[in-house]
Each structure stands twice: as C-alpha cells, then as structure tokens.
Amino acid sequence: MSEKQHLRNFVNGAYTDTADGVTSDLVDPTTGAVFATAPVSGRADLDQAYEAASAAFADWRRSTPAERQKALLGIADAVEARSADLVAAESRNTGKPIPLTAAEEIPPMADHLRFFAGAARQLEGKAAGEYMADHTSWIRREPIGVIGQVAPWNYPMMMAVWKFAPAIAAGNTVVLKPSDTTPASTLLLAEIAAEFLPPGVLNVVCGDRDTGRALVSHPRPEMVAITGSVGAGQQVAAAAAGDVKRVHLELGGKAPVVVLDDADIAAAAEAIAIAAFFNAGQDCTAATRVLAAPSVHADLVAALTEQAKGIVTTHAVGVHSEDALMPALNSARHFERVSGFLDRLPDHATLHTGGHRLGEEGFHYAPTVVSGLRQDDELVQHEVFGPVITVQEFPDEASALALANGVPYGLASSVWTSDVGRALRFSRDLDFGCVWINTHIPLVAEMPHGGFKHSGYGKDLSQYGFEDYTRVKHVMASLAG
C-alpha cells in the first residue's frame, strides 16, 4: 500500500502550510479508502493567498497580451508533458478511468489554455471615433483585479482551467479553491503553472464549505466565480452583494433530450447513453431527462435499457481498463444522495434497469433507466447528478416544449429529428444556453458554455468567457488642445 499523501496549499509560487494545521481526509471513490489528507484553510490562510494575489496583480496587470499568451502556451505544453501525472492524480481523487480521462480531458484542457492564450491578444471594443464634435473616444478593456474562484468536484482539473485561464489571460490574478473532496489534480496544475507565471498570479487554497464561504465573502477580491450547485451559487451571490462584487455563476442543469418521431432511435439511444453515463452522470449537461414521442417511446426505452446494461463500469474492469466508461460516484455523501432518489421512486414509475449499488467497496452505482414519471416528480425536477436516465412521453410538439422548459434550470438541451425545420423551431424555443441537434455533450473552446434561469449567468469558454473577466473603460480626449 502506498504511503498516504499530505497535500498543502499552493500560494505565492510555492507549497505552504496552513496556520492551524487542520486537515481533512481524501477518499478514493473506487475503493472507499483514505489515500491523502488536504488542508482545511481558515481566514489567515485566505488572507495570505489574497495578499499574494494582490501583490502579483500590480505587475501582472501591466504585462502585455503577448507575455500572458506565452505563459498560457507554456502551461498548455506542460499539461501535455505531465499528462500521466495529472491523470493519475485525477483518477485517484475521482475514481475516473485512466485511459478515458487521458483521451477525453487532457486534449481539451490544453486546447482551452491555447484558446485563451490567443484571446489575450484579441481584445474587443467599440471603434475609436469622434462621437462628439472635437472629442475622440475609445474603449479600454482592463483586468478586473483579484478574482476568487470555486471549482467543482466532477471535473477538477478541467474546471480549474476553465476558471483560471480566462482570468489570467485578461490580466487578473486568482485565488482558486477546489472542492474539498478533489483538490489533488488542481494543486498539481498550480505547481505546473508556477514554472510560467510570476508568484502569486495563481494561488490554490484547499478547504471545506466554510472555506468557500470565507473566500467569496472576503473583502479583497473584486470578482467571485463559482461552478457548483444552485444552492452554492445563491450563497455566493448573496455574499458578494454585500460589497458589490462581480459574480460569475455556472450552476446546475437538468438537460431535456427531446426525441421526435422521425429520429434515428438506435443512433439516438447510443449517443444519449454515453452522454448520460459518462462520468457516472456527474455532469451538469448530462443527457438524463429524455422526452419521447408516443410512436418511439417504447422502442427508445428498450434501446436505452439495453445500452445501460452494456455500460462498462470501473467496478467491473478497474480504472486502468481501456473499456471502462463509468466511474464510481464522488463520495459516500453523494452516493447517499443519488441512491435516495431511487429509494423514493413513486409507485407510478417503472424501473427498467439499475437502481442499486454495485459491490461493497467504494461508491459504485448501476446505470439506471426509469420511465412513467410525471413532470412534478423529484427525479424530473431536481438534478440527480448521477447515472440515472428518466424517460417521459409527450403527446405533441407543443407539449414536448412545455415539458422540456418546465424545470428551474436552463443550461443545456438537445433535440433529435431528421427534419431541419423542426430542429430549428426547437432550437429557437428551448430555454437553455445550449441546444444540440442530433448530438449531446460536445463542447468547443470557441463557443460559450453557460445557462439561463437557475443555471446561473456568465459564460465559460469562448471570447464571451474571456470578456467576463474584463472591465470596460471609456476614455475621451478633447481635440481642442
């Protein structure tokens, strides 16, 4: 058995000890065994990190876009060079399959870093001109300042990149808190980035929910950003309101997957199952709320059930297998939450497969398919964040749209049809920040990720995500001399 690791915060370019030495255990979701400890940072530790970020901001804000680009390109190259180490840390901390994580997360992480490296040199604003006689006006895009960020546990290293890359590219400095259950790969990322960034530009502090609350309510940051649950986002927004901080919220989702009667059912079922069970459904865009036309409902339920039965889990083959798609759930607490939804399944629902634990060790849950649910059932209205597909039947297109939009969330959605006109109508009327047509879950750096309603506001990725970390200043000069 390997020796237990003792992780430390990464502040001002180096690993640092916390003021009081309080730690929490990190658990491998695959086995349920403790493999490391991580600090639980307090106010003194946050003060230290924010002081480092403040000192670094004085110079980093004056760096040229080319200098910021060079740093981010260096980090991207280093992420690829250290990919085996990053994936090993991520897998141990999250239970993810190693080959799949290496193939599906490292390339986009490097790509997103390179995108924001380019975005640093593509600042946009209104053209300079004489909007008043004898006066010239122009726009400056400037960094906001010190940014406090909170990242989630479902994609720890990728979400860390989504957070710090646009902020740093825009000339800000960052204090980032990873989830209390998954800090390992984020700390390694900070260590890798330190080779290319001045000390204090990127700081990582570990801790629990109290640490997160203190991070966002701290008086120093000019902006706070979180990817997390709706409840966490509401707390962040409330805390930030006290001193009018900017807020960037990317919160939960409950993506509708509308399958119309002219869709290719076999192809749809295969793609939906992958988009639902990848990362055990622990994805805010997961394709877990399926709405089916009457003529295809039975066939789609049968096809999804067979797909679920065929999903290869790490419980069956281990994290090193090339075939593994679905890992364990994140923690004992989250396992209880997911299983609770199925334990409370209403009598009118039908469980087709799954709905139970896999094995005795770790937090493995079987791929699950449920039909017969009503719109007001909790499995339909609430984000499960687990490997559970629900299938509802709709009588017509208007009902499909009403059911799809009839949840508090507005992050992602998809429509499956061979009719271009129907696809375009649904893409117009679905009240979600992303609408996929005959696919579900792909993301690209050039396009924004972010939602409406309780799914939050602000965009990740794209030029829009970069601009969220800038402020706009108008400068006017008299031509009179």
Protein backbone atom coordinates (compact mmCIF):
# COMPACT_ATOMS: atom_id res chain seq x y z
CA MET A 1 0.00 0.00 0.00
CA SER A 2 1.36 3.43 -0.97
CA GLU A 3 2.11 5.94 1.73
CA LYS A 4 -0.62 8.47 2.49
CA GLN A 5 -0.04 11.84 0.83
CA HIS A 6 -0.24 15.10 2.76
CA LEU A 7 -1.30 17.86 0.40
CA ARG A 8 -0.61 21.55 1.04
CA ASN A 9 -1.90 24.83 -0.33
CA PHE A 10 -0.05 26.44 -3.23
CA VAL A 11 0.40 30.16 -2.54
CA ASN A 12 2.80 32.74 -3.96
CA GLY A 13 4.53 30.19 -6.17
CA ALA A 14 5.21 27.52 -3.53
CA TYR A 15 3.56 24.89 -1.36
CA THR A 16 2.68 26.36 2.02
CA ASP A 17 1.41 25.11 5.36
CA THR A 18 -1.81 26.40 6.86
CA ALA A 19 -1.88 28.48 10.00
CA ASP A 20 -3.61 25.94 12.23
CA GLY A 21 -2.76 22.62 10.53
CA VAL A 22 -6.34 21.37 10.33
CA THR A 23 -6.79 18.71 7.61
CA SER A 24 -9.49 16.51 6.10
CA ASP A 25 -9.21 13.03 4.59
CA LEU A 26 -9.36 12.43 0.84
CA VAL A 27 -11.10 9.20 -0.19
CA ASP A 28 -10.61 7.15 -3.35
CA PRO A 29 -14.19 6.69 -4.64
CA THR A 30 -13.25 3.38 -6.28
CA THR A 31 -12.29 1.71 -3.00
CA GLY A 32 -13.61 3.99 -0.28
CA ALA A 33 -10.12 4.09 1.26
CA VAL A 34 -8.36 7.22 2.51
CA PHE A 35 -5.32 7.99 0.35
CA ALA A 36 -4.36 11.53 1.41
CA THR A 37 -5.09 14.49 3.63
CA ALA A 38 -5.71 18.05 2.47
CA PRO A 39 -5.66 21.31 4.42
CA VAL A 40 -8.81 22.98 5.65
CA SER A 41 -7.87 26.61 5.16
CA GLY A 42 -9.03 29.33 7.52
CA ARG A 43 -9.21 33.11 7.34
CA ALA A 44 -5.47 33.57 7.96
CA ASP A 45 -4.69 31.28 5.01
CA LEU A 46 -7.08 33.16 2.75
CA ASP A 47 -5.55 36.45 3.86
CA GLN A 48 -2.14 35.09 2.86
CA ALA A 49 -3.37 33.95 -0.55
CA TYR A 50 -5.21 37.19 -1.29
CA GLU A 51 -2.19 39.23 -0.21
CA ALA A 52 -0.06 37.24 -2.66
CA ALA A 53 -2.59 37.75 -5.44
CA SER A 54 -2.83 41.47 -4.68
CA ALA A 55 0.92 41.94 -4.77
CA ALA A 56 1.19 39.99 -8.03
CA PHE A 57 -1.63 41.97 -9.66
CA ALA A 58 0.37 45.20 -9.55
CA ASP A 59 2.78 43.83 -12.17
CA TRP A 60 0.62 41.20 -13.92
CA ARG A 61 -1.98 43.78 -14.90
CA ARG A 62 0.81 45.65 -16.73
CA SER A 63 2.00 42.55 -18.59
CA THR A 64 1.43 42.61 -22.31
CA PRO A 65 -1.04 40.31 -24.01
CA ALA A 66 1.92 38.64 -25.69
CA GLU A 67 3.51 37.90 -22.32
CA ARG A 68 0.28 36.40 -20.98
CA GLN A 69 -0.11 34.38 -24.15
CA LYS A 70 3.40 32.99 -23.82
CA ALA A 71 2.74 31.91 -20.24
CA LEU A 72 -0.52 30.14 -21.08
CA LEU A 73 1.02 28.41 -24.09
CA GLY A 74 3.81 27.19 -21.84
CA ILE A 75 1.27 25.82 -19.35
CA ALA A 76 -0.58 24.05 -22.17
CA ASP A 77 2.61 22.35 -23.36
CA ALA A 78 3.47 21.37 -19.78
CA VAL A 79 -0.02 19.91 -19.22
CA GLU A 80 0.56 17.62 -22.16
CA ALA A 81 4.06 16.73 -20.98
CA ARG A 82 2.82 15.98 -17.45
CA SER A 83 -0.43 14.35 -18.58
CA ALA A 84 0.33 11.00 -16.96
CA ASP A 85 0.88 12.64 -13.57
CA LEU A 86 -2.24 14.78 -13.88
CA VAL A 87 -4.43 11.87 -14.94
CA ALA A 88 -3.10 9.66 -12.14
CA ALA A 89 -3.92 12.38 -9.57
CA GLU A 90 -7.35 12.95 -11.10
CA SER A 91 -8.19 9.25 -11.19
CA ARG A 92 -7.09 8.59 -7.63
CA ASN A 93 -9.13 11.55 -6.42
CA THR A 94 -12.27 10.99 -8.55
CA GLY A 95 -12.22 7.31 -9.49
CA LYS A 96 -12.24 8.10 -13.21
CA PRO A 97 -10.94 5.56 -15.77
CA ILE A 98 -7.33 6.43 -16.58
CA PRO A 99 -7.29 5.78 -20.36
CA LEU A 100 -10.60 7.60 -20.91
CA THR A 101 -9.54 10.58 -18.81
CA ALA A 102 -6.25 10.85 -20.68
CA ALA A 103 -8.08 10.78 -24.01
CA GLU A 104 -11.07 12.98 -23.16
CA GLU A 105 -9.75 15.59 -20.72
CA ILE A 106 -6.07 16.35 -21.37
CA PRO A 107 -6.51 17.37 -25.06
CA PRO A 108 -9.36 19.84 -24.36
CA MET A 109 -7.55 21.24 -21.33
CA ALA A 110 -4.52 22.04 -23.46
CA ASP A 111 -6.76 23.36 -26.23
CA HIS A 112 -8.66 25.66 -23.84
CA LEU A 113 -5.41 27.05 -22.47
CA ARG A 114 -4.23 27.77 -26.01
CA PHE A 115 -7.56 29.35 -26.92
CA PHE A 116 -7.39 31.80 -24.02
CA ALA A 117 -3.73 32.45 -24.83
CA GLY A 118 -4.97 33.71 -28.19
CA ALA A 119 -7.92 35.55 -26.66
CA ALA A 120 -5.47 37.63 -24.62
CA ARG A 121 -4.41 39.26 -27.88
CA GLN A 122 -7.91 39.77 -29.30
CA LEU A 123 -9.47 42.42 -27.06
CA GLU A 124 -12.68 43.85 -28.50
CA GLY A 125 -14.35 47.23 -28.07
CA LYS A 126 -16.13 49.99 -29.93
CA ALA A 127 -14.03 51.69 -32.59
CA ALA A 128 -12.31 54.91 -31.58
CA GLY A 129 -14.06 57.91 -33.08
CA GLU A 130 -15.47 61.39 -32.72
CA TYR A 131 -18.88 60.64 -31.20
CA MET A 132 -18.94 64.27 -30.02
CA ALA A 133 -17.56 67.10 -32.08
CA ASP A 134 -13.90 67.86 -31.33
CA HIS A 135 -13.60 64.91 -28.97
CA THR A 136 -12.22 61.45 -29.59
CA SER A 137 -13.50 58.49 -27.55
CA TRP A 138 -12.16 54.99 -27.28
CA ILE A 139 -12.60 51.90 -25.13
CA ARG A 140 -10.09 50.26 -22.84
CA ARG A 141 -10.63 46.66 -21.75
CA GLU A 142 -8.87 46.17 -18.45
CA PRO A 143 -8.44 43.35 -15.95
CA ILE A 144 -10.89 43.45 -13.06
CA GLY A 145 -8.35 42.68 -10.34
CA VAL A 146 -8.06 39.82 -7.88
CA ILE A 147 -10.54 37.03 -8.57
CA GLY A 148 -11.80 34.48 -6.03
CA GLN A 149 -12.89 31.23 -7.68
CA VAL A 150 -14.53 27.99 -6.54
CA ALA A 151 -14.29 24.89 -8.75
CA PRO A 152 -16.41 21.70 -8.59
CA TRP A 153 -15.52 18.06 -7.96
CA ASN A 154 -16.85 16.46 -11.15
CA TYR A 155 -14.03 17.64 -13.47
CA PRO A 156 -11.49 19.09 -11.03
CA MET A 157 -8.57 19.75 -13.34
CA MET A 158 -10.59 20.76 -16.40
CA MET A 159 -12.83 23.10 -14.44
CA ALA A 160 -9.76 24.65 -12.82
CA VAL A 161 -8.52 25.51 -16.34
CA TRP A 162 -11.92 26.92 -17.27
CA LYS A 163 -11.68 29.16 -14.22
CA PHE A 164 -8.10 30.43 -14.12
CA ALA A 165 -7.20 30.51 -17.84
CA PRO A 166 -9.55 33.34 -18.95
CA ALA A 167 -8.96 35.29 -15.74
CA ILE A 168 -5.17 35.16 -16.08
CA ALA A 169 -5.32 35.78 -19.84
CA ALA A 170 -7.18 39.03 -19.13
CA GLY A 171 -4.51 40.19 -16.66
CA ASN A 172 -6.19 39.26 -13.38
CA THR A 173 -4.72 37.23 -10.53
CA VAL A 174 -6.53 34.32 -8.91
CA VAL A 175 -7.21 32.59 -5.61
CA LEU A 176 -8.86 29.29 -6.53
CA LYS A 177 -10.47 26.81 -4.15
CA PRO A 178 -11.03 23.28 -5.49
CA SER A 179 -13.70 21.05 -3.99
CA ASP A 180 -12.89 19.64 -0.58
CA THR A 181 -13.14 16.09 -1.98
CA THR A 182 -10.98 16.57 -5.11
CA PRO A 183 -8.06 19.02 -4.72
CA ALA A 184 -5.19 16.76 -5.82
CA SER A 185 -5.01 17.45 -9.57
CA THR A 186 -5.71 21.17 -9.11
CA LEU A 187 -2.72 21.54 -6.80
CA LEU A 188 -0.56 19.74 -9.34
CA LEU A 189 -1.82 22.12 -12.03
CA ALA A 190 -0.79 25.09 -9.90
CA GLU A 191 2.67 23.59 -9.44
CA ILE A 192 2.97 23.10 -13.21
CA ALA A 193 1.73 26.63 -13.94
CA ALA A 194 4.23 28.16 -11.49
CA GLU A 195 7.04 27.48 -13.97
CA PHE A 196 5.45 30.01 -16.33
CA LEU A 197 3.65 32.50 -14.08
CA PRO A 198 5.06 35.03 -11.59
CA PRO A 199 4.48 34.06 -7.95
CA GLY A 200 1.03 34.98 -6.70
CA VAL A 201 -0.72 35.07 -10.08
CA LEU A 202 -2.35 31.66 -9.45
CA ASN A 203 -2.91 30.52 -5.87
CA VAL A 204 -4.78 27.37 -4.78
CA VAL A 205 -6.23 27.04 -1.28
CA CYS A 206 -7.94 23.87 -0.07
CA GLY A 207 -10.82 23.67 2.34
CA ASP A 208 -14.42 22.87 3.09
CA ARG A 209 -17.66 24.78 2.59
CA ASP A 210 -16.75 27.23 5.33
CA THR A 211 -13.52 27.96 3.46
CA GLY A 212 -15.53 28.59 0.32
CA ARG A 213 -17.88 30.95 2.10
CA ALA A 214 -14.94 32.87 3.55
CA LEU A 215 -13.23 33.01 0.15
CA VAL A 216 -16.20 34.64 -1.60
CA SER A 217 -17.14 36.96 1.28
CA HIS A 218 -13.53 38.14 1.77
CA PRO A 219 -13.23 41.90 1.15
CA ARG A 220 -10.24 41.62 -1.19
CA PRO A 221 -11.49 40.07 -4.46
CA GLU A 222 -13.23 42.31 -6.98
CA MET A 223 -14.99 39.34 -8.54
CA VAL A 224 -16.01 35.84 -7.46
CA ALA A 225 -16.79 32.93 -9.76
CA ILE A 226 -18.17 29.50 -8.99
CA THR A 227 -19.10 26.34 -10.81
CA GLY A 228 -21.37 24.38 -8.48
CA SER A 229 -24.88 23.70 -7.31
CA VAL A 230 -27.74 26.18 -7.43
CA GLY A 231 -27.70 26.44 -3.64
CA ALA A 232 -23.99 27.21 -3.59
CA GLY A 233 -24.44 29.82 -6.31
CA GLN A 234 -27.21 31.53 -4.38
CA GLN A 235 -24.98 31.73 -1.31
CA VAL A 236 -22.12 33.17 -3.38
CA ALA A 237 -24.37 35.80 -4.96
CA ALA A 238 -25.73 36.81 -1.56
CA ALA A 239 -22.27 37.04 -0.03
CA ALA A 240 -20.94 39.08 -2.95
CA ALA A 241 -23.81 41.54 -2.79
CA GLY A 242 -22.53 42.99 0.48
CA ASP A 243 -19.69 44.85 -1.21
CA VAL A 244 -21.00 44.71 -4.79
CA LYS A 245 -18.51 42.20 -6.14
CA ARG A 246 -18.93 40.99 -9.68
CA VAL A 247 -20.31 37.46 -9.75
CA HIS A 248 -19.89 34.69 -12.35
CA LEU A 249 -22.16 31.68 -11.77
CA GLU A 250 -22.17 28.39 -13.69
CA LEU A 251 -24.63 26.22 -11.80
CA GLY A 252 -26.70 23.06 -12.17
CA GLY A 253 -28.65 21.65 -15.06
CA LYS A 254 -31.46 19.28 -15.96
CA ALA A 255 -30.98 18.87 -19.69
CA PRO A 256 -34.02 17.82 -21.73
CA VAL A 257 -33.37 15.39 -24.57
CA VAL A 258 -36.31 15.69 -26.98
CA VAL A 259 -36.60 12.68 -29.30
CA LEU A 260 -39.14 13.27 -32.07
CA ASP A 261 -40.90 10.57 -34.07
CA ASP A 262 -38.61 10.85 -37.10
CA ALA A 263 -35.35 10.39 -35.15
CA ASP A 264 -32.94 7.50 -35.67
CA ILE A 265 -33.75 5.65 -32.45
CA ALA A 266 -30.77 3.31 -32.41
CA ALA A 267 -28.28 6.11 -33.02
CA ALA A 268 -30.04 8.39 -30.54
CA ALA A 269 -30.09 5.74 -27.80
CA GLU A 270 -26.38 5.02 -28.17
CA ALA A 271 -25.40 8.68 -28.09
CA ILE A 272 -27.78 9.54 -25.25
CA ALA A 273 -26.49 6.67 -23.10
CA ILE A 274 -22.89 7.83 -23.49
CA ALA A 275 -23.87 11.43 -22.72
CA ALA A 276 -25.85 10.25 -19.68
CA PHE A 277 -23.43 7.75 -18.15
CA PHE A 278 -20.08 9.38 -18.93
CA ASN A 279 -18.51 10.32 -15.59
CA ALA A 280 -21.43 8.49 -13.93
CA GLY A 281 -23.80 11.28 -14.94
CA GLN A 282 -21.90 13.72 -12.74
CA ASP A 283 -22.14 16.44 -15.36
CA CYS A 284 -24.41 19.48 -15.38
CA THR A 285 -25.15 18.87 -19.08
CA ALA A 286 -25.71 15.08 -18.81
CA ALA A 287 -28.42 13.68 -21.10
CA THR A 288 -30.51 12.24 -18.31
CA ARG A 289 -34.03 13.71 -18.92
CA VAL A 290 -35.39 12.12 -22.09
CA LEU A 291 -38.71 13.19 -23.65
CA ALA A 292 -40.02 10.80 -26.29
CA ALA A 293 -42.76 10.97 -28.92
CA PRO A 294 -45.53 8.35 -28.45
CA SER A 295 -44.61 6.33 -31.54
CA VAL A 296 -40.98 5.88 -30.43
CA HIS A 297 -41.34 5.84 -26.63
CA ALA A 298 -41.40 2.07 -26.12
CA ASP A 299 -38.57 1.41 -28.57
CA LEU A 300 -36.46 4.17 -27.06
CA VAL A 301 -36.96 2.91 -23.50
CA ALA A 302 -35.98 -0.59 -24.63
CA ALA A 303 -32.92 0.69 -26.51
CA LEU A 304 -31.77 2.85 -23.59
CA THR A 305 -32.23 -0.07 -21.21
CA GLU A 306 -30.02 -2.27 -23.35
CA GLN A 307 -27.44 0.49 -23.63
CA ALA A 308 -27.42 0.90 -19.85
CA LYS A 309 -26.92 -2.82 -19.33
CA GLY A 310 -23.94 -2.70 -21.66
CA ILE A 311 -22.13 0.20 -19.98
CA VAL A 312 -18.68 -0.88 -18.80
CA THR A 313 -18.02 0.34 -15.26
CA THR A 314 -14.78 0.67 -13.34
CA HIS A 315 -16.39 -1.61 -10.76
CA ALA A 316 -16.35 -4.38 -13.36
CA VAL A 317 -12.97 -3.81 -15.02
CA GLY A 318 -11.00 -1.29 -12.93
CA VAL A 319 -9.72 2.21 -13.63
CA HIS A 320 -6.86 1.02 -15.86
CA SER A 321 -9.11 -0.67 -18.43
CA GLU A 322 -9.36 0.77 -21.93
CA ASP A 323 -13.02 -0.30 -21.98
CA ALA A 324 -14.19 1.48 -18.82
CA LEU A 325 -16.64 4.33 -19.34
CA MET A 326 -18.33 4.88 -15.99
CA PRO A 327 -16.58 5.51 -12.66
CA ALA A 328 -17.87 5.41 -9.11
CA LEU A 329 -19.78 8.33 -7.62
CA ASN A 330 -17.72 11.04 -5.97
CA SER A 331 -18.24 10.36 -2.28
CA ALA A 332 -20.27 8.49 0.32
CA ARG A 333 -22.38 11.62 0.80
CA HIS A 334 -23.12 11.91 -2.90
CA PHE A 335 -23.80 8.17 -3.18
CA GLU A 336 -26.46 8.52 -0.49
CA ARG A 337 -27.97 11.47 -2.32
CA VAL A 338 -28.21 9.66 -5.67
CA SER A 339 -29.49 6.39 -4.20
CA GLY A 340 -32.07 8.36 -2.20
CA PHE A 341 -33.80 9.45 -5.41
CA LEU A 342 -34.28 5.81 -6.40
CA ASP A 343 -35.26 4.72 -2.89
CA ARG A 344 -38.09 7.28 -3.10
CA LEU A 345 -39.22 6.24 -6.58
CA PRO A 346 -43.01 6.79 -6.86
CA ASP A 347 -45.34 3.83 -7.44
CA HIS A 348 -46.35 5.08 -10.89
CA ALA A 349 -42.74 4.90 -12.16
CA THR A 350 -41.15 1.83 -13.75
CA LEU A 351 -37.54 0.87 -13.04
CA HIS A 352 -36.18 -0.89 -16.13
CA THR A 353 -32.60 -1.50 -15.00
CA GLY A 354 -30.21 -0.38 -12.30
CA GLY A 355 -31.31 1.45 -9.19
CA HIS A 356 -28.83 -0.31 -6.91
CA ARG A 357 -25.29 -0.32 -5.60
CA LEU A 358 -22.51 -2.22 -7.36
CA GLY A 359 -20.27 -4.18 -4.99
CA GLU A 360 -19.35 -3.47 -1.41
CA GLU A 361 -16.28 -1.24 -1.81
CA GLY A 362 -16.33 2.32 -2.98
CA PHE A 363 -19.33 4.26 -4.28
CA HIS A 364 -20.32 2.43 -7.47
CA TYR A 365 -23.90 2.74 -8.70
CA ALA A 366 -25.53 0.82 -11.53
CA PRO A 367 -26.56 2.60 -14.76
CA THR A 368 -30.28 3.20 -14.33
CA VAL A 369 -33.31 3.79 -16.60
CA VAL A 370 -36.73 4.85 -15.28
CA SER A 371 -39.97 5.59 -17.16
CA GLY A 372 -43.52 6.52 -16.21
CA LEU A 373 -42.55 9.65 -14.29
CA ARG A 374 -44.71 12.75 -14.06
CA GLN A 375 -43.49 16.30 -14.59
CA ASP A 376 -43.70 17.22 -10.90
CA ASP A 377 -41.76 14.16 -9.68
CA GLU A 378 -38.46 14.99 -8.00
CA LEU A 379 -36.49 12.84 -10.46
CA VAL A 380 -37.73 15.15 -13.21
CA GLN A 381 -37.48 18.46 -11.39
CA HIS A 382 -34.22 18.06 -9.47
CA GLU A 383 -30.68 17.48 -10.67
CA VAL A 384 -29.68 13.93 -9.68
CA PHE A 385 -26.06 14.26 -10.85
CA GLY A 386 -25.83 10.51 -11.17
CA PRO A 387 -26.20 7.68 -13.73
CA VAL A 388 -30.00 7.87 -13.97
CA ILE A 389 -31.95 8.34 -17.22
CA THR A 390 -35.63 9.22 -16.97
CA VAL A 391 -37.95 8.85 -19.98
CA GLN A 392 -41.24 10.74 -20.29
CA GLU A 393 -43.77 10.54 -23.11
CA PHE A 394 -45.25 13.65 -24.75
CA PRO A 395 -48.33 13.81 -27.00
CA ASP A 396 -47.27 16.56 -29.39
CA GLU A 397 -44.53 19.11 -30.11
CA ALA A 398 -46.09 21.88 -28.02
CA SER A 399 -46.25 19.54 -25.03
CA ALA A 400 -42.67 18.43 -25.62
CA LEU A 401 -41.51 22.03 -25.49
CA ALA A 402 -43.55 22.76 -22.37
CA LEU A 403 -42.15 19.69 -20.58
CA ALA A 404 -38.62 20.50 -21.70
CA ASN A 405 -38.79 24.08 -20.42
CA GLY A 406 -40.78 23.16 -17.33
CA VAL A 407 -37.85 22.95 -14.89
CA PRO A 408 -35.95 25.65 -12.97
CA TYR A 409 -32.75 25.01 -14.92
CA GLY A 410 -31.65 26.38 -18.28
CA LEU A 411 -28.16 25.11 -19.09
CA ALA A 412 -28.22 22.58 -21.94
CA SER A 413 -30.65 20.63 -24.11
CA SER A 414 -30.87 18.58 -27.28
CA VAL A 415 -33.41 17.72 -29.97
CA TRP A 416 -33.30 14.61 -32.15
CA THR A 417 -35.02 14.74 -35.53
CA SER A 418 -34.36 14.39 -39.26
CA ASP A 419 -36.49 17.46 -40.05
CA VAL A 420 -34.45 20.66 -40.29
CA GLY A 421 -37.46 22.91 -39.74
CA ARG A 422 -38.45 21.09 -36.54
CA ALA A 423 -34.87 21.25 -35.29
CA LEU A 424 -34.71 24.98 -35.90
CA ARG A 425 -38.04 25.61 -34.17
CA PHE A 426 -36.91 23.71 -31.10
CA SER A 427 -33.51 25.44 -31.09
CA ARG A 428 -35.36 28.77 -31.06
CA ASP A 429 -37.84 27.86 -28.33
CA LEU A 430 -35.83 25.71 -25.93
CA ASP A 431 -34.96 27.98 -22.98
CA PHE A 432 -31.41 26.73 -22.49
CA GLY A 433 -27.96 28.22 -23.02
CA CYS A 434 -27.01 25.41 -25.40
CA VAL A 435 -29.14 23.42 -27.84
CA TRP A 436 -27.57 20.43 -29.55
CA ILE A 437 -29.21 18.91 -32.64
CA ASN A 438 -28.79 15.14 -33.10
CA THR A 439 -25.93 15.11 -30.61
CA HIS A 440 -25.44 15.85 -26.93
CA ILE A 441 -22.49 16.99 -24.78
CA PRO A 442 -19.68 18.09 -27.19
CA LEU A 443 -18.09 21.43 -26.27
CA VAL A 444 -15.58 23.57 -28.15
CA ALA A 445 -13.37 26.38 -26.91
CA GLU A 446 -14.74 28.87 -29.43
CA MET A 447 -18.35 28.57 -28.25
CA PRO A 448 -19.79 29.67 -24.86
CA HIS A 449 -20.92 27.35 -22.08
CA GLY A 450 -23.42 28.81 -19.66
CA GLY A 451 -27.09 28.86 -18.90
CA PHE A 452 -30.25 30.74 -18.01
CA LYS A 453 -32.65 30.72 -15.05
CA HIS A 454 -31.32 28.81 -12.02
CA SER A 455 -28.38 27.55 -14.06
CA GLY A 456 -26.72 30.91 -13.48
CA TYR A 457 -25.20 33.64 -15.60
CA GLY A 458 -21.83 34.34 -17.11
CA LYS A 459 -20.15 32.21 -19.73
CA ASP A 460 -17.26 29.78 -19.63
CA LEU A 461 -15.10 29.19 -22.72
CA SER A 462 -15.20 31.40 -25.84
CA GLN A 463 -14.48 35.11 -26.24
CA TYR A 464 -17.57 35.76 -24.12
CA GLY A 465 -15.98 33.86 -21.24
CA PHE A 466 -12.80 35.88 -21.63
CA GLU A 467 -14.69 39.19 -21.67
CA ASP A 468 -16.44 38.28 -18.41
CA TYR A 469 -13.05 38.75 -16.72
CA THR A 470 -12.54 42.26 -18.11
CA ARG A 471 -13.98 45.68 -17.31
CA VAL A 472 -14.80 48.36 -19.87
CA LYS A 473 -13.48 51.89 -19.52
CA HIS A 474 -14.42 54.87 -21.75
CA VAL A 475 -11.65 57.40 -22.39
CA MET A 476 -12.43 60.74 -24.08
CA ALA A 477 -9.92 63.33 -25.23
CA SER A 478 -10.59 66.87 -26.36
CA LEU A 479 -9.16 67.80 -29.76
CA ALA A 480 -9.14 71.48 -28.87
CA GLY A 481 -5.65 71.30 -27.44
